[in-house]
């Protein structure tokens, strides 16, 4: 198996429908498109902190996401 090439990372725990488990602060993958999609669909706890996708070989940030300062409205 080849070395993992991309890392989704945040200084805060991440949650999202595509993460293998809630509360991760990093996840490594081989596919850059998949890493970007997972990062884009994820949020942090507390809400609104930065999530990045980093190319591990170069250290280049290839995707960066921060959310608005207001949490999304619940549909309850």
PDB file of N, CA and C in Angstrom:
ATOM      1  N   UNK A   1       0.839  -1.183   0.000  1.00  0.00           N
ATOM      2  CA  UNK A   1       0.000   0.000   0.000  1.00  0.00           C
ATOM      3  C   UNK A   1       0.884   1.246   0.000  1.00  0.00           C
ATOM      4  N   UNK A   2       0.506   2.250  -0.760  1.00  0.00           N
ATOM      5  CA  UNK A   2       1.292   3.479  -0.835  1.00  0.00           C
ATOM      6  C   UNK A   2       1.088   4.339   0.409  1.00  0.00           C
ATOM      7  N   UNK A   3       2.032   5.234   0.629  1.00  0.00           N
ATOM      8  CA  UNK A   3       1.946   6.136   1.767  1.00  0.00           C
ATOM      9  C   UNK A   3       0.776   7.101   1.588  1.00  0.00           C
ATOM     10  N   UNK A   4       0.158   7.466   2.684  1.00  0.00           N
ATOM     11  CA  UNK A   4      -0.948   8.414   2.629  1.00  0.00           C
ATOM     12  C   UNK A   4      -0.403   9.789   2.284  1.00  0.00           C
ATOM     13  N   UNK A   5      -1.091  10.510   1.414  1.00  0.00           N
ATOM     14  CA  UNK A   5      -0.550  11.729   0.838  1.00  0.00           C
ATOM     15  C   UNK A   5      -1.198  13.017   1.315  1.00  0.00           C
ATOM     16  N   UNK A   6      -2.415  12.961   1.846  1.00  0.00           N
ATOM     17  CA  UNK A   6      -3.151  14.172   2.220  1.00  0.00           C
ATOM     18  C   UNK A   6      -3.681  14.029   3.631  1.00  0.00           C
ATOM     19  N   UNK A   7      -3.681  15.133   4.355  1.00  0.00           N
ATOM     20  CA  UNK A   7      -4.188  15.123   5.718  1.00  0.00           C
ATOM     21  C   UNK A   7      -5.237  16.208   5.889  1.00  0.00           C
ATOM     22  N   UNK A   8      -6.396  15.807   6.409  1.00  0.00           N
ATOM     23  CA  UNK A   8      -7.415  16.757   6.845  1.00  0.00           C
ATOM     24  C   UNK A   8      -7.080  17.036   8.296  1.00  0.00           C
ATOM     25  N   UNK A   9      -6.975  18.311   8.670  1.00  0.00           N
ATOM     26  CA  UNK A   9      -6.574  18.627  10.035  1.00  0.00           C
ATOM     27  C   UNK A   9      -7.265  19.875  10.554  1.00  0.00           C
ATOM     28  N   UNK A  10      -7.396  19.910  11.870  1.00  0.00           N
ATOM     29  CA  UNK A  10      -7.936  21.070  12.557  1.00  0.00           C
ATOM     30  C   UNK A  10      -7.381  21.074  13.971  1.00  0.00           C
ATOM     31  N   UNK A  11      -7.284  22.238  14.557  1.00  0.00           N
ATOM     32  CA  UNK A  11      -6.843  22.322  15.945  1.00  0.00           C
ATOM     33  C   UNK A  11      -7.996  22.023  16.905  1.00  0.00           C
ATOM     34  N   UNK A  12      -9.197  21.846  16.363  1.00  0.00           N
ATOM     35  CA  UNK A  12     -10.389  21.530  17.151  1.00  0.00           C
ATOM     36  C   UNK A  12     -11.023  20.243  16.625  1.00  0.00           C
ATOM     37  N   UNK A  13     -11.765  19.521  17.452  1.00  0.00           N
ATOM     38  CA  UNK A  13     -12.420  18.293  16.996  1.00  0.00           C
ATOM     39  C   UNK A  13     -13.367  18.571  15.827  1.00  0.00           C
ATOM     40  N   UNK A  14     -13.379  17.640  14.859  1.00  0.00           N
ATOM     41  CA  UNK A  14     -14.235  17.769  13.681  1.00  0.00           C
ATOM     42  C   UNK A  14     -15.366  16.753  13.745  1.00  0.00           C
ATOM     43  N   UNK A  15     -16.525  17.155  13.232  1.00  0.00           N
ATOM     44  CA  UNK A  15     -17.658  16.254  13.072  1.00  0.00           C
ATOM     45  C   UNK A  15     -18.204  16.438  11.668  1.00  0.00           C
ATOM     46  N   UNK A  16     -18.765  15.376  11.119  1.00  0.00           N
ATOM     47  CA  UNK A  16     -19.334  15.470   9.783  1.00  0.00           C
ATOM     48  C   UNK A  16     -19.834  14.122   9.317  1.00  0.00           C
ATOM     49  N   UNK A  17     -20.723  14.123   8.341  1.00  0.00           N
ATOM     50  CA  UNK A  17     -21.337  12.879   7.883  1.00  0.00           C
ATOM     51  C   UNK A  17     -20.379  11.937   7.155  1.00  0.00           C
ATOM     52  N   UNK A  18     -19.251  12.424   6.684  1.00  0.00           N
ATOM     53  CA  UNK A  18     -18.321  11.588   5.931  1.00  0.00           C
ATOM     54  C   UNK A  18     -17.090  11.170   6.731  1.00  0.00           C
ATOM     55  N   UNK A  19     -16.957  11.671   7.948  1.00  0.00           N
ATOM     56  CA  UNK A  19     -15.836  11.278   8.798  1.00  0.00           C
ATOM     57  C   UNK A  19     -16.082   9.890   9.381  1.00  0.00           C
ATOM     58  N   UNK A  20     -15.036   9.068   9.529  1.00  0.00           N
ATOM     59  CA  UNK A  20     -15.234   7.725  10.078  1.00  0.00           C
ATOM     60  C   UNK A  20     -15.672   7.720  11.545  1.00  0.00           C
ATOM     61  N   UNK A  21     -15.337   8.783  12.273  1.00  0.00           N
ATOM     62  CA  UNK A  21     -15.797   8.933  13.658  1.00  0.00           C
ATOM     63  C   UNK A  21     -15.761  10.408  14.041  1.00  0.00           C
ATOM     64  N   UNK A  22     -16.633  10.790  14.950  1.00  0.00           N
ATOM     65  CA  UNK A  22     -16.697  12.185  15.399  1.00  0.00           C
ATOM     66  C   UNK A  22     -15.535  12.474  16.353  1.00  0.00           C
ATOM     67  N   UNK A  23     -15.093  13.712  16.347  1.00  0.00           N
ATOM     68  CA  UNK A  23     -14.087  14.155  17.297  1.00  0.00           C
ATOM     69  C   UNK A  23     -12.647  14.046  16.817  1.00  0.00           C
ATOM     70  N   UNK A  24     -12.428  13.631  15.577  1.00  0.00           N
ATOM     71  CA  UNK A  24     -11.067  13.559  15.045  1.00  0.00           C
ATOM     72  C   UNK A  24     -10.484  14.958  14.885  1.00  0.00           C
ATOM     73  N   UNK A  25      -9.175  15.080  15.045  1.00  0.00           N
ATOM     74  CA  UNK A  25      -8.498  16.340  14.732  1.00  0.00           C
ATOM     75  C   UNK A  25      -7.635  16.195  13.484  1.00  0.00           C
ATOM     76  N   UNK A  26      -7.456  14.956  13.005  1.00  0.00           N
ATOM     77  CA  UNK A  26      -6.754  14.736  11.739  1.00  0.00           C
ATOM     78  C   UNK A  26      -7.164  13.395  11.144  1.00  0.00           C
ATOM     79  N   UNK A  27      -7.045  13.328   9.816  1.00  0.00           N
ATOM     80  CA  UNK A  27      -7.367  12.117   9.071  1.00  0.00           C
ATOM     81  C   UNK A  27      -6.517  12.129   7.816  1.00  0.00           C
ATOM     82  N   UNK A  28      -5.829  11.024   7.529  1.00  0.00           N
ATOM     83  CA  UNK A  28      -4.977  10.948   6.346  1.00  0.00           C
ATOM     84  C   UNK A  28      -5.619  10.083   5.269  1.00  0.00           C
ATOM     85  N   UNK A  29      -5.493  10.535   4.017  1.00  0.00           N
ATOM     86  CA  UNK A  29      -6.080   9.858   2.865  1.00  0.00           C
ATOM     87  C   UNK A  29      -5.119   9.906   1.686  1.00  0.00           C
ATOM     88  N   UNK A  30      -5.379   9.075   0.671  1.00  0.00           N
ATOM     89  CA  UNK A  30      -4.588   9.089  -0.563  1.00  0.00           C
ATOM     90  C   UNK A  30      -5.173  10.015  -1.620  1.00  0.00           C
ATOM     91  N   UNK A  31      -6.466  10.200  -1.646  1.00  0.00           N
ATOM     92  CA  UNK A  31      -7.156  10.921  -2.715  1.00  0.00           C
ATOM     93  C   UNK A  31      -7.408  12.375  -2.313  1.00  0.00           C
ATOM     94  N   UNK A  32      -6.845  13.324  -3.077  1.00  0.00           N
ATOM     95  CA  UNK A  32      -7.003  14.738  -2.711  1.00  0.00           C
ATOM     96  C   UNK A  32      -8.448  15.204  -2.866  1.00  0.00           C
ATOM     97  N   UNK A  33      -9.158  14.727  -3.885  1.00  0.00           N
ATOM     98  CA  UNK A  33     -10.550  15.146  -4.075  1.00  0.00           C
ATOM     99  C   UNK A  33     -11.423  14.657  -2.924  1.00  0.00           C
ATOM    100  N   UNK A  34     -11.225  13.420  -2.499  1.00  0.00           N
ATOM    101  CA  UNK A  34     -11.989  12.878  -1.379  1.00  0.00           C
ATOM    102  C   UNK A  34     -11.670  13.644  -0.098  1.00  0.00           C
ATOM    103  N   UNK A  35     -10.413  13.967   0.120  1.00  0.00           N
ATOM    104  CA  UNK A  35     -10.027  14.731   1.310  1.00  0.00           C
ATOM    105  C   UNK A  35     -10.702  16.099   1.326  1.00  0.00           C
ATOM    106  N   UNK A  36     -10.773  16.755   0.182  1.00  0.00           N
ATOM    107  CA  UNK A  36     -11.419  18.071   0.105  1.00  0.00           C
ATOM    108  C   UNK A  36     -12.919  17.963   0.357  1.00  0.00           C
ATOM    109  N   UNK A  37     -13.563  16.953  -0.217  1.00  0.00           N
ATOM    110  CA  UNK A  37     -15.009  16.776  -0.007  1.00  0.00           C
ATOM    111  C   UNK A  37     -15.311  16.516   1.464  1.00  0.00           C
ATOM    112  N   UNK A  38     -14.543  15.635   2.093  1.00  0.00           N
ATOM    113  CA  UNK A  38     -14.767  15.341   3.511  1.00  0.00           C
ATOM    114  C   UNK A  38     -14.568  16.592   4.350  1.00  0.00           C
ATOM    115  N   UNK A  39     -13.515  17.352   4.080  1.00  0.00           N
ATOM    116  CA  UNK A  39     -13.264  18.590   4.829  1.00  0.00           C
ATOM    117  C   UNK A  39     -14.386  19.603   4.612  1.00  0.00           C
ATOM    118  N   UNK A  40     -14.854  19.728   3.378  1.00  0.00           N
ATOM    119  CA  UNK A  40     -15.904  20.702   3.068  1.00  0.00           C
ATOM    120  C   UNK A  40     -17.217  20.367   3.765  1.00  0.00           C
ATOM    121  N   UNK A  41     -17.489  19.084   3.974  1.00  0.00           N
ATOM    122  CA  UNK A  41     -18.738  18.658   4.607  1.00  0.00           C
ATOM    123  C   UNK A  41     -18.633  18.581   6.124  1.00  0.00           C
ATOM    124  N   UNK A  42     -17.475  18.883   6.675  1.00  0.00           N
ATOM    125  CA  UNK A  42     -17.258  18.776   8.113  1.00  0.00           C
ATOM    126  C   UNK A  42     -17.273  20.153   8.771  1.00  0.00           C
ATOM    127  N   UNK A  43     -17.514  20.161  10.067  1.00  0.00           N
ATOM    128  CA  UNK A  43     -17.449  21.380  10.882  1.00  0.00           C
ATOM    129  C   UNK A  43     -16.661  21.057  12.146  1.00  0.00           C
ATOM    130  N   UNK A  44     -16.304  22.089  12.871  1.00  0.00           N
ATOM    131  CA  UNK A  44     -15.550  21.899  14.106  1.00  0.00           C
ATOM    132  C   UNK A  44     -16.440  22.128  15.317  1.00  0.00           C
ATOM    133  N   UNK A  45     -15.960  21.618  16.451  1.00  0.00           N
ATOM    134  CA  UNK A  45     -16.589  21.858  17.746  1.00  0.00           C
ATOM    135  C   UNK A  45     -15.530  22.531  18.597  1.00  0.00           C
ATOM    136  N   UNK A  46     -15.684  23.810  18.965  1.00  0.00           N
ATOM    137  CA  UNK A  46     -16.813  24.696  18.689  1.00  0.00           C
ATOM    138  C   UNK A  46     -16.884  25.075  17.200  1.00  0.00           C
ATOM    139  N   UNK A  47     -18.071  25.415  16.795  1.00  0.00           N
ATOM    140  CA  UNK A  47     -18.378  25.698  15.403  1.00  0.00           C
ATOM    141  C   UNK A  47     -17.556  26.875  14.870  1.00  0.00           C
ATOM    142  N   UNK A  48     -17.117  26.758  13.619  1.00  0.00           N
ATOM    143  CA  UNK A  48     -16.512  27.890  12.928  1.00  0.00           C
ATOM    144  C   UNK A  48     -15.003  27.946  12.895  1.00  0.00           C
ATOM    145  N   UNK A  49     -14.315  26.987  13.491  1.00  0.00           N
ATOM    146  CA  UNK A  49     -12.846  26.995  13.465  1.00  0.00           C
ATOM    147  C   UNK A  49     -12.346  26.432  12.133  1.00  0.00           C
ATOM    148  N   UNK A  50     -11.080  26.617  11.852  1.00  0.00           N
ATOM    149  CA  UNK A  50     -10.517  26.248  10.554  1.00  0.00           C
ATOM    150  C   UNK A  50     -10.305  24.739  10.396  1.00  0.00           C
ATOM    151  N   UNK A  51     -10.595  24.253   9.184  1.00  0.00           N
ATOM    152  CA  UNK A  51     -10.275  22.896   8.747  1.00  0.00           C
ATOM    153  C   UNK A  51      -9.424  23.038   7.491  1.00  0.00           C
ATOM    154  N   UNK A  52      -8.320  22.282   7.427  1.00  0.00           N
ATOM    155  CA  UNK A  52      -7.397  22.363   6.294  1.00  0.00           C
ATOM    156  C   UNK A  52      -7.171  20.983   5.702  1.00  0.00           C
ATOM    157  N   UNK A  53      -6.845  20.952   4.397  1.00  0.00           N
ATOM    158  CA  UNK A  53      -6.325  19.750   3.754  1.00  0.00           C
ATOM    159  C   UNK A  53      -4.902  20.083   3.329  1.00  0.00           C
ATOM    160  N   UNK A  54      -3.958  19.270   3.785  1.00  0.00           N
ATOM    161  CA  UNK A  54      -2.540  19.528   3.560  1.00  0.00           C
ATOM    162  C   UNK A  54      -1.943  18.392   2.732  1.00  0.00           C
ATOM    163  N   UNK A  55      -1.152  18.751   1.692  1.00  0.00           N
ATOM    164  CA  UNK A  55      -0.376  17.771   0.946  1.00  0.00           C
ATOM    165  C   UNK A  55       0.845  17.460   1.806  1.00  0.00           C
ATOM    166  N   UNK A  56       0.948  16.220   2.278  1.00  0.00           N
ATOM    167  CA  UNK A  56       1.966  15.882   3.274  1.00  0.00           C
ATOM    168  C   UNK A  56       3.394  16.006   2.747  1.00  0.00           C
ATOM    169  N   UNK A  57       3.639  15.669   1.507  1.00  0.00           N
ATOM    170  CA  UNK A  57       5.006  15.717   0.973  1.00  0.00           C
ATOM    171  C   UNK A  57       5.558  17.141   0.915  1.00  0.00           C
ATOM    172  N   UNK A  58       4.704  18.096   0.551  1.00  0.00           N
ATOM    173  CA  UNK A  58       5.172  19.479   0.392  1.00  0.00           C
ATOM    174  C   UNK A  58       4.785  20.384   1.558  1.00  0.00           C
ATOM    175  N   UNK A  59       3.793  19.980   2.342  1.00  0.00           N
ATOM    176  CA  UNK A  59       3.296  20.831   3.419  1.00  0.00           C
ATOM    177  C   UNK A  59       2.346  21.913   2.938  1.00  0.00           C
ATOM    178  N   UNK A  60       2.037  21.904   1.628  1.00  0.00           N
ATOM    179  CA  UNK A  60       1.153  22.911   1.045  1.00  0.00           C
ATOM    180  C   UNK A  60      -0.301  22.689   1.476  1.00  0.00           C
ATOM    181  N   UNK A  61      -0.953  23.762   1.911  1.00  0.00           N
ATOM    182  CA  UNK A  61      -2.381  23.708   2.220  1.00  0.00           C
ATOM    183  C   UNK A  61      -3.127  23.818   0.889  1.00  0.00           C
ATOM    184  N   UNK A  62      -3.864  22.765   0.515  1.00  0.00           N
ATOM    185  CA  UNK A  62      -4.563  22.773  -0.768  1.00  0.00           C
ATOM    186  C   UNK A  62      -6.040  23.135  -0.624  1.00  0.00           C
ATOM    187  N   UNK A  63      -6.554  23.156   0.610  1.00  0.00           N
ATOM    188  CA  UNK A  63      -7.937  23.563   0.867  1.00  0.00           C
ATOM    189  C   UNK A  63      -7.998  24.073   2.287  1.00  0.00           C
ATOM    190  N   UNK A  64      -8.732  25.153   2.475  1.00  0.00           N
ATOM    191  CA  UNK A  64      -8.896  25.745   3.800  1.00  0.00           C
ATOM    192  C   UNK A  64     -10.344  26.184   3.948  1.00  0.00           C
ATOM    193  N   UNK A  65     -10.941  25.870   5.088  1.00  0.00           N
ATOM    194  CA  UNK A  65     -12.343  26.222   5.316  1.00  0.00           C
ATOM    195  C   UNK A  65     -12.498  26.781   6.717  1.00  0.00           C
ATOM    196  N   UNK A  66     -13.170  27.913   6.804  1.00  0.00           N
ATOM    197  CA  UNK A  66     -13.656  28.428   8.080  1.00  0.00           C
ATOM    198  C   UNK A  66     -15.127  28.744   7.875  1.00  0.00           C
ATOM    199  N   UNK A  67     -15.876  28.677   8.923  1.00  0.00           N
ATOM    200  CA  UNK A  67     -17.308  28.916   8.818  1.00  0.00           C
ATOM    201  C   UNK A  67     -17.636  30.305   9.340  1.00  0.00           C
ATOM    202  N   UNK A  68     -18.855  30.718   9.083  1.00  0.00           N
ATOM    203  CA  UNK A  68     -19.340  31.994   9.617  1.00  0.00           C
ATOM    204  C   UNK A  68     -19.299  31.937  11.143  1.00  0.00           C
ATOM    205  N   UNK A  69     -19.286  33.065  11.760  1.00  0.00           N
ATOM    206  CA  UNK A  69     -19.212  33.104  13.219  1.00  0.00           C
ATOM    207  C   UNK A  69     -20.530  32.733  13.883  1.00  0.00           C
ATOM    208  N   UNK A  70     -21.602  32.643  13.117  1.00  0.00           N
ATOM    209  CA  UNK A  70     -22.900  32.273  13.662  1.00  0.00           C
ATOM    210  C   UNK A  70     -23.182  30.816  13.310  1.00  0.00           C
ATOM    211  N   UNK A  71     -23.544  30.030  14.323  1.00  0.00           N
ATOM    212  CA  UNK A  71     -23.844  28.607  14.091  1.00  0.00           C
ATOM    213  C   UNK A  71     -25.085  28.469  13.222  1.00  0.00           C
ATOM    214  N   UNK A  72     -25.167  27.393  12.423  1.00  0.00           N
ATOM    215  CA  UNK A  72     -26.350  27.196  11.588  1.00  0.00           C
ATOM    216  C   UNK A  72     -27.611  27.036  12.433  1.00  0.00           C
ATOM    217  N   UNK A  73     -28.727  27.438  11.893  1.00  0.00           N
ATOM    218  CA  UNK A  73     -30.012  27.358  12.584  1.00  0.00           C
ATOM    219  C   UNK A  73     -30.515  25.923  12.540  1.00  0.00           C
ATOM    220  N   UNK A  74     -30.901  25.404  13.683  1.00  0.00           N
ATOM    221  CA  UNK A  74     -31.443  24.059  13.770  1.00  0.00           C
ATOM    222  C   UNK A  74     -32.866  24.032  13.234  1.00  0.00           C
ATOM    223  N   UNK A  75     -33.243  22.941  12.574  1.00  0.00           N
ATOM    224  CA  UNK A  75     -34.588  22.824  11.997  1.00  0.00           C
ATOM    225  C   UNK A  75     -35.520  22.078  12.927  1.00  0.00           C
ATOM    226  N   UNK A  76     -35.468  22.326  14.201  1.00  0.00           N
ATOM    227  CA  UNK A  76     -36.325  21.636  15.175  1.00  0.00           C
ATOM    228  C   UNK A  76     -37.713  22.199  15.210  1.00  0.00           C
TER     229      UNK A  76
END
